[in-house]
Amino acid sequence: MSIHGHEVLHMMTGNSYTESSLLDAIHQKFGKDARFHTCSQADMNAEQLIAFLKAKGKFKPSVSDDTEFTVDKKTICHH
């Protein structure tokens, strides 16, 4: 079963992460063997999904901590 990347973006709403803490949160919620897809990519593991979302500009710096980021809600498509 493949999980849409939107699920991860929605999970991130209201929270801040480092890449490492986001990876841990994804593994906790979806499992270490989870596979992900987006509108344009398929069959990604959590590390690949994080890199993809970062490259697509889906994250923005956290207001409270310069080392963390959060989801940029304006970049989440709703379909």
C-alpha atoms as a PDB file:
ATOM      1  CA  MET A   1       0.000   0.000   0.000  1.00  0.00           C
ATOM      2  CA  SER A   2       1.318   3.430  -0.922  1.00  0.00           C
ATOM      3  CA  ILE A   3       0.614   6.537   1.163  1.00  0.00           C
ATOM      4  CA  HIS A   4       0.146   9.914  -0.484  1.00  0.00           C
ATOM      5  CA  GLY A   5       2.713  12.528   0.517  1.00  0.00           C
ATOM      6  CA  HIS A   6      -0.160  14.809   1.529  1.00  0.00           C
ATOM      7  CA  GLU A   7      -0.617  12.588   4.587  1.00  0.00           C
ATOM      8  CA  VAL A   8       2.882  13.498   5.744  1.00  0.00           C
ATOM      9  CA  LEU A   9       2.329  17.196   5.028  1.00  0.00           C
ATOM     10  CA  HIS A  10      -0.912  17.164   7.020  1.00  0.00           C
ATOM     11  CA  MET A  11       0.859  15.338   9.864  1.00  0.00           C
ATOM     12  CA  MET A  12       3.436  18.133   9.921  1.00  0.00           C
ATOM     13  CA  THR A  13       0.885  20.943  10.278  1.00  0.00           C
ATOM     14  CA  GLY A  14       1.423  22.811  13.530  1.00  0.00           C
ATOM     15  CA  ASN A  15       4.712  21.016  14.275  1.00  0.00           C
ATOM     16  CA  SER A  16       8.371  21.748  13.565  1.00  0.00           C
ATOM     17  CA  TYR A  17      10.979  19.171  12.572  1.00  0.00           C
ATOM     18  CA  THR A  18      14.563  18.606  11.620  1.00  0.00           C
ATOM     19  CA  GLU A  19      15.040  16.117   8.785  1.00  0.00           C
ATOM     20  CA  SER A  20      15.975  13.494  11.363  1.00  0.00           C
ATOM     21  CA  SER A  21      12.981  14.133  13.629  1.00  0.00           C
ATOM     22  CA  LEU A  22      10.639  14.169  10.614  1.00  0.00           C
ATOM     23  CA  LEU A  23      12.011  10.819   9.489  1.00  0.00           C
ATOM     24  CA  ASP A  24      11.431   9.439  12.994  1.00  0.00           C
ATOM     25  CA  ALA A  25       7.867  10.820  13.056  1.00  0.00           C
ATOM     26  CA  ILE A  26       7.096   9.295   9.644  1.00  0.00           C
ATOM     27  CA  HIS A  27       8.459   5.926  10.744  1.00  0.00           C
ATOM     28  CA  GLN A  28       6.409   6.075  13.946  1.00  0.00           C
ATOM     29  CA  LYS A  29       3.161   6.973  12.186  1.00  0.00           C
ATOM     30  CA  PHE A  30       3.430   4.964   8.979  1.00  0.00           C
ATOM     31  CA  GLY A  31       6.069   2.299   9.717  1.00  0.00           C
ATOM     32  CA  LYS A  32       9.673   1.937   8.574  1.00  0.00           C
ATOM     33  CA  ASP A  33       8.726   0.005   5.445  1.00  0.00           C
ATOM     34  CA  ALA A  34       6.030   2.433   4.263  1.00  0.00           C
ATOM     35  CA  ARG A  35       6.095   3.514   0.620  1.00  0.00           C
ATOM     36  CA  PHE A  36       4.907   6.908  -0.536  1.00  0.00           C
ATOM     37  CA  HIS A  37       3.687   8.590  -3.697  1.00  0.00           C
ATOM     38  CA  THR A  38       2.821  12.121  -4.796  1.00  0.00           C
ATOM     39  CA  CYS A  39       1.096  13.581  -7.807  1.00  0.00           C
ATOM     40  CA  SER A  40       4.282  13.164  -9.848  1.00  0.00           C
ATOM     41  CA  GLN A  41       6.397  10.481  -8.104  1.00  0.00           C
ATOM     42  CA  ALA A  42       5.814   6.945  -6.895  1.00  0.00           C
ATOM     43  CA  ASP A  43       7.430   4.179  -4.839  1.00  0.00           C
ATOM     44  CA  MET A  44       9.461   6.401  -2.504  1.00  0.00           C
ATOM     45  CA  ASN A  45      10.675   5.503   0.952  1.00  0.00           C
ATOM     46  CA  ALA A  46      10.506   8.094   3.755  1.00  0.00           C
ATOM     47  CA  GLU A  47      13.982   9.494   3.063  1.00  0.00           C
ATOM     48  CA  GLN A  48      13.200   9.920  -0.626  1.00  0.00           C
ATOM     49  CA  LEU A  49       9.864  11.553   0.176  1.00  0.00           C
ATOM     50  CA  ILE A  50      11.499  14.089   2.513  1.00  0.00           C
ATOM     51  CA  ALA A  51      14.087  14.969  -0.144  1.00  0.00           C
ATOM     52  CA  PHE A  52      11.341  15.267  -2.786  1.00  0.00           C
ATOM     53  CA  LEU A  53       9.130  17.498  -0.619  1.00  0.00           C
ATOM     54  CA  LYS A  54      12.093  19.668   0.324  1.00  0.00           C
ATOM     55  CA  ALA A  55      13.115  20.076  -3.331  1.00  0.00           C
ATOM     56  CA  LYS A  56       9.530  21.011  -4.227  1.00  0.00           C
ATOM     57  CA  GLY A  57       9.517  23.846  -1.653  1.00  0.00           C
ATOM     58  CA  LYS A  58       6.921  22.256   0.624  1.00  0.00           C
ATOM     59  CA  PHE A  59       8.799  23.253   3.806  1.00  0.00           C
ATOM     60  CA  LYS A  60       9.442  26.634   5.386  1.00  0.00           C
ATOM     61  CA  PRO A  61      11.691  27.610   8.298  1.00  0.00           C
ATOM     62  CA  SER A  62      10.165  27.294  11.741  1.00  0.00           C
ATOM     63  CA  VAL A  63       9.353  30.553  13.460  1.00  0.00           C
ATOM     64  CA  SER A  64      10.606  29.297  16.812  1.00  0.00           C
ATOM     65  CA  ASP A  65      13.866  27.585  15.816  1.00  0.00           C
ATOM     66  CA  ASP A  66      16.287  28.310  12.962  1.00  0.00           C
ATOM     67  CA  THR A  67      17.355  24.654  12.767  1.00  0.00           C
ATOM     68  CA  GLU A  68      13.837  23.341  12.230  1.00  0.00           C
ATOM     69  CA  PHE A  69      11.226  23.610   9.502  1.00  0.00           C
ATOM     70  CA  THR A  70       7.523  23.103   9.156  1.00  0.00           C
ATOM     71  CA  VAL A  71       5.112  22.570   6.288  1.00  0.00           C
ATOM     72  CA  ASP A  72       4.237  25.551   4.127  1.00  0.00           C
ATOM     73  CA  LYS A  73       0.456  25.088   4.090  1.00  0.00           C
ATOM     74  CA  LYS A  74       0.168  27.236   0.952  1.00  0.00           C
ATOM     75  CA  THR A  75       1.991  24.527  -1.016  1.00  0.00           C
ATOM     76  CA  ILE A  76      -0.341  21.633  -0.185  1.00  0.00           C
ATOM     77  CA  CYS A  77      -2.586  20.884  -3.134  1.00  0.00           C
ATOM     78  CA  HIS A  78      -6.099  19.743  -2.251  1.00  0.00           C
ATOM     79  CA  HIS A  79      -7.367  17.100  -4.624  1.00  0.00           C
END
